Amino acid sequence: MGEIQRICVFCGSNAGRRPEYAEAAREMGRVLVERGIGLVYGGGNVGLMGIVADTVLAGGGEVVGVIPEALMAREVGHAGLTRIHVVRTMHERKAMMADHADGFVALPGGFGTFEEFCEVLTWSQLGFHPKPCGLLNVAGYYDPLLALFDRGVDEGFIPPQHRALVIEETDPARLLDSFAAFRPPTTSKWIAPDER
């Protein structure tokens, strides 16, 4: 794992019911700016997505958004980003976000956030990338998902070394510290993009 230049953040297009969620999004943005790390995200101006993007922009950081045409047409696209890529499909969106990022963080969110995080985690398990994948577990939000992952290990569906690919922290700075120290399992052969 080389130097982390950009982090892809998956998070809710709503702000959630607890004020801790919005504060965690702001703190994530502040930590990215402090460390000179750019943000890659889904390009929206709403919910936690808008909060983390606005915080990075306010601090002078780089924000790259990737949004499908259909969502841009609904006027949820952020107009003030460093760069925005408008793509045709959700599949293109996820692939482009992954290509532009050196690691992945999920803040609280809904189905889309769960799906995006689990997809990049699966890509890591399969050896498609050697990038760290982390959950920012705000106010215990991801406790049930982490318990499900542990159940998968207990029931023989998830090898323990793959469960270890999930980095979990409650603080953005500690999460990024863990990212900097991340080393992919030596048991996996990472597959170059042109070999996939």
C-alpha atoms as a PDB file:
ATOM      1  CA  MET A   1       0.000   0.000   0.000  1.00  0.00           C
ATOM      2  CA  GLY A   2       1.472   3.303  -1.095  1.00  0.00           C
ATOM      3  CA  GLU A   3       0.729   6.773   0.219  1.00  0.00           C
ATOM      4  CA  ILE A   4      -2.958   7.550   0.618  1.00  0.00           C
ATOM      5  CA  GLN A   5      -3.819  10.519  -1.581  1.00  0.00           C
ATOM      6  CA  ARG A   6      -7.611  10.131  -1.832  1.00  0.00           C
ATOM      7  CA  ILE A   7     -10.221   8.348   0.260  1.00  0.00           C
ATOM      8  CA  CYS A   8     -13.584   7.263  -1.107  1.00  0.00           C
ATOM      9  CA  VAL A   9     -16.345   7.918   1.414  1.00  0.00           C
ATOM     10  CA  PHE A  10     -19.681   6.119   1.191  1.00  0.00           C
ATOM     11  CA  CYS A  11     -22.448   7.635   3.321  1.00  0.00           C
ATOM     12  CA  GLY A  12     -26.099   8.538   3.518  1.00  0.00           C
ATOM     13  CA  SER A  13     -27.948  10.916   1.235  1.00  0.00           C
ATOM     14  CA  ASN A  14     -29.904  11.707   4.416  1.00  0.00           C
ATOM     15  CA  ALA A  15     -28.377  13.135   7.578  1.00  0.00           C
ATOM     16  CA  GLY A  16     -29.991  10.590   9.900  1.00  0.00           C
ATOM     17  CA  ARG A  17     -31.807  11.221  13.153  1.00  0.00           C
ATOM     18  CA  ARG A  18     -28.811  11.627  15.486  1.00  0.00           C
ATOM     19  CA  PRO A  19     -26.701  14.796  15.469  1.00  0.00           C
ATOM     20  CA  GLU A  20     -23.631  12.570  15.972  1.00  0.00           C
ATOM     21  CA  TYR A  21     -23.885  11.417  12.343  1.00  0.00           C
ATOM     22  CA  ALA A  22     -23.549  14.910  10.878  1.00  0.00           C
ATOM     23  CA  GLU A  23     -20.773  15.751  13.322  1.00  0.00           C
ATOM     24  CA  ALA A  24     -18.889  12.599  12.305  1.00  0.00           C
ATOM     25  CA  ALA A  25     -19.206  13.606   8.631  1.00  0.00           C
ATOM     26  CA  ARG A  26     -17.813  17.066   9.441  1.00  0.00           C
ATOM     27  CA  GLU A  27     -14.972  15.553  11.476  1.00  0.00           C
ATOM     28  CA  MET A  28     -14.157  13.123   8.648  1.00  0.00           C
ATOM     29  CA  GLY A  29     -13.908  16.086   6.288  1.00  0.00           C
ATOM     30  CA  ARG A  30     -11.713  18.056   8.709  1.00  0.00           C
ATOM     31  CA  VAL A  31      -9.324  15.125   9.182  1.00  0.00           C
ATOM     32  CA  LEU A  32      -9.009  14.621   5.417  1.00  0.00           C
ATOM     33  CA  VAL A  33      -8.114  18.301   4.979  1.00  0.00           C
ATOM     34  CA  GLU A  34      -5.627  18.243   7.880  1.00  0.00           C
ATOM     35  CA  ARG A  35      -3.826  15.277   6.311  1.00  0.00           C
ATOM     36  CA  GLY A  36      -3.906  16.605   2.762  1.00  0.00           C
ATOM     37  CA  ILE A  37      -6.075  13.699   1.582  1.00  0.00           C
ATOM     38  CA  GLY A  38      -8.627  14.284  -1.158  1.00  0.00           C
ATOM     39  CA  LEU A  39     -12.229  13.099  -1.016  1.00  0.00           C
ATOM     40  CA  VAL A  40     -13.881  10.879  -3.618  1.00  0.00           C
ATOM     41  CA  TYR A  41     -17.611  10.383  -3.149  1.00  0.00           C
ATOM     42  CA  GLY A  42     -20.946  10.028  -4.908  1.00  0.00           C
ATOM     43  CA  GLY A  43     -21.239  13.672  -5.967  1.00  0.00           C
ATOM     44  CA  GLY A  44     -24.375  14.608  -4.030  1.00  0.00           C
ATOM     45  CA  ASN A  45     -25.173  17.840  -2.216  1.00  0.00           C
ATOM     46  CA  VAL A  46     -27.581  16.263   0.276  1.00  0.00           C
ATOM     47  CA  GLY A  47     -27.367  14.426   3.596  1.00  0.00           C
ATOM     48  CA  LEU A  48     -24.061  13.236   5.022  1.00  0.00           C
ATOM     49  CA  MET A  49     -22.661  13.255   1.479  1.00  0.00           C
ATOM     50  CA  GLY A  50     -23.134  17.014   1.215  1.00  0.00           C
ATOM     51  CA  ILE A  51     -21.811  17.626   4.725  1.00  0.00           C
ATOM     52  CA  VAL A  52     -18.513  15.796   4.227  1.00  0.00           C
ATOM     53  CA  ALA A  53     -17.995  17.375   0.784  1.00  0.00           C
ATOM     54  CA  ASP A  54     -18.760  20.899   2.007  1.00  0.00           C
ATOM     55  CA  THR A  55     -16.390  20.477   4.951  1.00  0.00           C
ATOM     56  CA  VAL A  56     -13.503  19.396   2.716  1.00  0.00           C
ATOM     57  CA  LEU A  57     -14.209  22.213   0.255  1.00  0.00           C
ATOM     58  CA  ALA A  58     -14.409  24.795   3.065  1.00  0.00           C
ATOM     59  CA  GLY A  59     -10.971  23.655   4.232  1.00  0.00           C
ATOM     60  CA  GLY A  60      -9.484  24.043   0.760  1.00  0.00           C
ATOM     61  CA  GLY A  61      -9.311  20.316   0.030  1.00  0.00           C
ATOM     62  CA  GLU A  62      -9.887  18.407  -3.190  1.00  0.00           C
ATOM     63  CA  VAL A  63     -13.314  16.834  -3.761  1.00  0.00           C
ATOM     64  CA  VAL A  64     -14.003  14.520  -6.696  1.00  0.00           C
ATOM     65  CA  GLY A  65     -17.640  13.568  -7.227  1.00  0.00           C
ATOM     66  CA  VAL A  66     -18.978  10.778  -9.420  1.00  0.00           C
ATOM     67  CA  ILE A  67     -22.708  10.817 -10.099  1.00  0.00           C
ATOM     68  CA  PRO A  68     -25.029   9.073 -12.558  1.00  0.00           C
ATOM     69  CA  GLU A  69     -26.931  11.189 -15.088  1.00  0.00           C
ATOM     70  CA  ALA A  70     -30.279  10.232 -13.547  1.00  0.00           C
ATOM     71  CA  LEU A  71     -29.309  11.654 -10.145  1.00  0.00           C
ATOM     72  CA  MET A  72     -27.753  14.758 -11.695  1.00  0.00           C
ATOM     73  CA  ALA A  73     -31.052  15.359 -13.491  1.00  0.00           C
ATOM     74  CA  ARG A  74     -32.857  15.290 -10.127  1.00  0.00           C
ATOM     75  CA  GLU A  75     -30.674  18.232  -9.054  1.00  0.00           C
ATOM     76  CA  VAL A  76     -28.951  16.390  -6.225  1.00  0.00           C
ATOM     77  CA  GLY A  77     -25.511  16.845  -7.789  1.00  0.00           C
ATOM     78  CA  HIS A  78     -23.096  19.186  -5.995  1.00  0.00           C
ATOM     79  CA  ALA A  79     -22.274  22.215  -8.145  1.00  0.00           C
ATOM     80  CA  GLY A  80     -19.152  23.392  -6.291  1.00  0.00           C
ATOM     81  CA  LEU A  81     -16.783  20.428  -6.447  1.00  0.00           C
ATOM     82  CA  THR A  82     -13.168  20.413  -7.562  1.00  0.00           C
ATOM     83  CA  ARG A  83     -14.207  17.938 -10.250  1.00  0.00           C
ATOM     84  CA  ILE A  84     -17.429  16.097 -11.024  1.00  0.00           C
ATOM     85  CA  HIS A  85     -17.781  13.130 -13.348  1.00  0.00           C
ATOM     86  CA  VAL A  86     -21.270  12.460 -14.700  1.00  0.00           C
ATOM     87  CA  VAL A  87     -21.578   8.806 -15.749  1.00  0.00           C
ATOM     88  CA  ARG A  88     -24.345   6.705 -17.273  1.00  0.00           C
ATOM     89  CA  THR A  89     -24.821   3.977 -14.673  1.00  0.00           C
ATOM     90  CA  MET A  90     -24.314   3.108 -11.025  1.00  0.00           C
ATOM     91  CA  HIS A  91     -21.835   0.422 -12.112  1.00  0.00           C
ATOM     92  CA  GLU A  92     -19.703   3.055 -13.858  1.00  0.00           C
ATOM     93  CA  ARG A  93     -19.995   5.292 -10.818  1.00  0.00           C
ATOM     94  CA  LYS A  94     -18.679   2.647  -8.418  1.00  0.00           C
ATOM     95  CA  ALA A  95     -15.860   1.593 -10.727  1.00  0.00           C
ATOM     96  CA  MET A  96     -14.694   5.192 -11.208  1.00  0.00           C
ATOM     97  CA  MET A  97     -14.838   5.973  -7.485  1.00  0.00           C
ATOM     98  CA  ALA A  98     -12.781   2.861  -6.765  1.00  0.00           C
ATOM     99  CA  ASP A  99     -10.210   3.737  -9.432  1.00  0.00           C
ATOM    100  CA  HIS A 100      -9.749   7.267  -8.026  1.00  0.00           C
ATOM    101  CA  ALA A 101      -9.362   6.191  -4.378  1.00  0.00           C
ATOM    102  CA  ASP A 102      -6.609   4.653  -2.247  1.00  0.00           C
ATOM    103  CA  GLY A 103      -8.996   3.437   0.451  1.00  0.00           C
ATOM    104  CA  PHE A 104     -12.694   3.252   1.352  1.00  0.00           C
ATOM    105  CA  VAL A 105     -14.644   4.492   4.371  1.00  0.00           C
ATOM    106  CA  ALA A 106     -18.332   3.947   5.125  1.00  0.00           C
ATOM    107  CA  LEU A 107     -20.044   6.454   7.386  1.00  0.00           C
ATOM    108  CA  PRO A 108     -23.627   5.754   8.452  1.00  0.00           C
ATOM    109  CA  GLY A 109     -26.016   5.315   5.542  1.00  0.00           C
ATOM    110  CA  GLY A 110     -28.647   3.073   4.029  1.00  0.00           C
ATOM    111  CA  PHE A 111     -28.862   0.348   1.404  1.00  0.00           C
ATOM    112  CA  GLY A 112     -26.566   2.122  -1.071  1.00  0.00           C
ATOM    113  CA  THR A 113     -23.868   2.658   1.547  1.00  0.00           C
ATOM    114  CA  PHE A 114     -24.041  -0.970   2.709  1.00  0.00           C
ATOM    115  CA  GLU A 115     -23.909  -2.245  -0.865  1.00  0.00           C
ATOM    116  CA  GLU A 116     -21.020  -0.015  -1.923  1.00  0.00           C
ATOM    117  CA  PHE A 117     -18.940  -0.921   1.119  1.00  0.00           C
ATOM    118  CA  CYS A 118     -19.610  -4.642   0.836  1.00  0.00           C
ATOM    119  CA  GLU A 119     -18.734  -4.563  -2.860  1.00  0.00           C
ATOM    120  CA  VAL A 120     -15.295  -3.006  -2.363  1.00  0.00           C
ATOM    121  CA  LEU A 121     -14.768  -5.340   0.598  1.00  0.00           C
ATOM    122  CA  THR A 122     -15.586  -8.300  -1.653  1.00  0.00           C
ATOM    123  CA  TRP A 123     -13.172  -6.963  -4.282  1.00  0.00           C
ATOM    124  CA  SER A 124     -10.504  -6.886  -1.551  1.00  0.00           C
ATOM    125  CA  GLN A 125     -11.335 -10.458  -0.504  1.00  0.00           C
ATOM    126  CA  LEU A 126     -11.043 -11.607  -4.140  1.00  0.00           C
ATOM    127  CA  GLY A 127      -7.722  -9.838  -4.617  1.00  0.00           C
ATOM    128  CA  PHE A 128      -8.979  -7.178  -7.047  1.00  0.00           C
ATOM    129  CA  HIS A 129      -7.389  -4.381  -4.991  1.00  0.00           C
ATOM    130  CA  PRO A 130      -5.064  -4.022  -1.955  1.00  0.00           C
ATOM    131  CA  LYS A 131      -6.800  -0.934  -0.513  1.00  0.00           C
ATOM    132  CA  PRO A 132      -8.027  -0.607   3.087  1.00  0.00           C
ATOM    133  CA  CYS A 133     -11.774  -0.763   3.796  1.00  0.00           C
ATOM    134  CA  GLY A 134     -13.086   0.816   6.989  1.00  0.00           C
ATOM    135  CA  LEU A 135     -16.301   1.453   8.874  1.00  0.00           C
ATOM    136  CA  LEU A 136     -16.638   4.651  10.891  1.00  0.00           C
ATOM    137  CA  ASN A 137     -18.841   3.180  13.596  1.00  0.00           C
ATOM    138  CA  VAL A 138     -20.641   6.286  14.847  1.00  0.00           C
ATOM    139  CA  ALA A 139     -22.785   5.780  17.967  1.00  0.00           C
ATOM    140  CA  GLY A 140     -22.679   2.017  17.429  1.00  0.00           C
ATOM    141  CA  TYR A 141     -24.434   2.301  14.061  1.00  0.00           C
ATOM    142  CA  TYR A 142     -22.447  -0.535  12.506  1.00  0.00           C
ATOM    143  CA  ASP A 143     -22.526  -2.872  15.522  1.00  0.00           C
ATOM    144  CA  PRO A 144     -25.226  -5.093  13.919  1.00  0.00           C
ATOM    145  CA  LEU A 145     -23.296  -5.328  10.623  1.00  0.00           C
ATOM    146  CA  LEU A 146     -20.076  -6.206  12.441  1.00  0.00           C
ATOM    147  CA  ALA A 147     -22.002  -8.849  14.412  1.00  0.00           C
ATOM    148  CA  LEU A 148     -23.261 -10.265  11.092  1.00  0.00           C
ATOM    149  CA  PHE A 149     -19.691 -10.451   9.787  1.00  0.00           C
ATOM    150  CA  ASP A 150     -18.677 -12.281  12.976  1.00  0.00           C
ATOM    151  CA  ARG A 151     -21.625 -14.655  12.530  1.00  0.00           C
ATOM    152  CA  GLY A 152     -20.378 -15.337   9.004  1.00  0.00           C
ATOM    153  CA  VAL A 153     -17.015 -16.369  10.468  1.00  0.00           C
ATOM    154  CA  ASP A 154     -18.647 -18.517  13.161  1.00  0.00           C
ATOM    155  CA  GLU A 155     -20.805 -20.283  10.584  1.00  0.00           C
ATOM    156  CA  GLY A 156     -17.926 -20.931   8.182  1.00  0.00           C
ATOM    157  CA  PHE A 157     -18.862 -18.496   5.414  1.00  0.00           C
ATOM    158  CA  ILE A 158     -16.175 -15.860   6.007  1.00  0.00           C
ATOM    159  CA  PRO A 159     -12.538 -16.897   6.583  1.00  0.00           C
ATOM    160  CA  PRO A 160     -11.041 -15.082   9.608  1.00  0.00           C
ATOM    161  CA  GLN A 161      -8.347 -13.464   7.425  1.00  0.00           C
ATOM    162  CA  HIS A 162     -11.086 -11.916   5.283  1.00  0.00           C
ATOM    163  CA  ARG A 163     -13.014 -10.714   8.337  1.00  0.00           C
ATOM    164  CA  ALA A 164      -9.784  -8.933   9.309  1.00  0.00           C
ATOM    165  CA  LEU A 165     -10.042  -6.860   6.118  1.00  0.00           C
ATOM    166  CA  VAL A 166     -12.766  -4.787   7.836  1.00  0.00           C
ATOM    167  CA  ILE A 167     -11.140  -1.956   9.774  1.00  0.00           C
ATOM    168  CA  GLU A 168     -13.483  -0.456  12.364  1.00  0.00           C
ATOM    169  CA  GLU A 169     -13.018   2.702  14.413  1.00  0.00           C
ATOM    170  CA  THR A 170     -15.217   5.289  16.107  1.00  0.00           C
ATOM    171  CA  ASP A 171     -12.873   8.205  15.360  1.00  0.00           C
ATOM    172  CA  PRO A 172     -11.889   9.395  11.841  1.00  0.00           C
ATOM    173  CA  ALA A 173      -8.269  10.163  12.783  1.00  0.00           C
ATOM    174  CA  ARG A 174      -7.737   6.714  14.299  1.00  0.00           C
ATOM    175  CA  LEU A 175      -9.399   5.117  11.274  1.00  0.00           C
ATOM    176  CA  LEU A 176      -6.972   6.850   8.908  1.00  0.00           C
ATOM    177  CA  ASP A 177      -4.063   5.900  11.174  1.00  0.00           C
ATOM    178  CA  SER A 178      -5.178   2.282  10.780  1.00  0.00           C
ATOM    179  CA  PHE A 179      -5.357   2.781   7.014  1.00  0.00           C
ATOM    180  CA  ALA A 180      -1.762   4.024   6.943  1.00  0.00           C
ATOM    181  CA  ALA A 181      -0.675   0.892   8.810  1.00  0.00           C
ATOM    182  CA  PHE A 182      -2.772  -1.492   6.679  1.00  0.00           C
ATOM    183  CA  ARG A 183      -0.997  -4.382   5.011  1.00  0.00           C
ATOM    184  CA  PRO A 184      -2.987  -6.732   2.768  1.00  0.00           C
ATOM    185  CA  PRO A 185      -2.923 -10.401   3.783  1.00  0.00           C
ATOM    186  CA  THR A 186       0.074 -12.188   2.336  1.00  0.00           C
ATOM    187  CA  THR A 187      -2.163 -15.135   1.455  1.00  0.00           C
ATOM    188  CA  SER A 188      -3.868 -13.150  -1.322  1.00  0.00           C
ATOM    189  CA  LYS A 189      -2.441 -12.529  -4.782  1.00  0.00           C
ATOM    190  CA  TRP A 190      -3.597  -9.094  -5.850  1.00  0.00           C
ATOM    191  CA  ILE A 191      -4.930  -9.105  -9.391  1.00  0.00           C
ATOM    192  CA  ALA A 192      -3.865  -6.213 -11.605  1.00  0.00           C
ATOM    193  CA  PRO A 193      -6.742  -4.364 -13.351  1.00  0.00           C
ATOM    194  CA  ASP A 194      -5.730  -5.657 -16.805  1.00  0.00           C
ATOM    195  CA  GLU A 195      -5.866  -9.273 -15.530  1.00  0.00           C
ATOM    196  CA  ARG A 196      -9.416  -9.084 -14.159  1.00  0.00           C
END
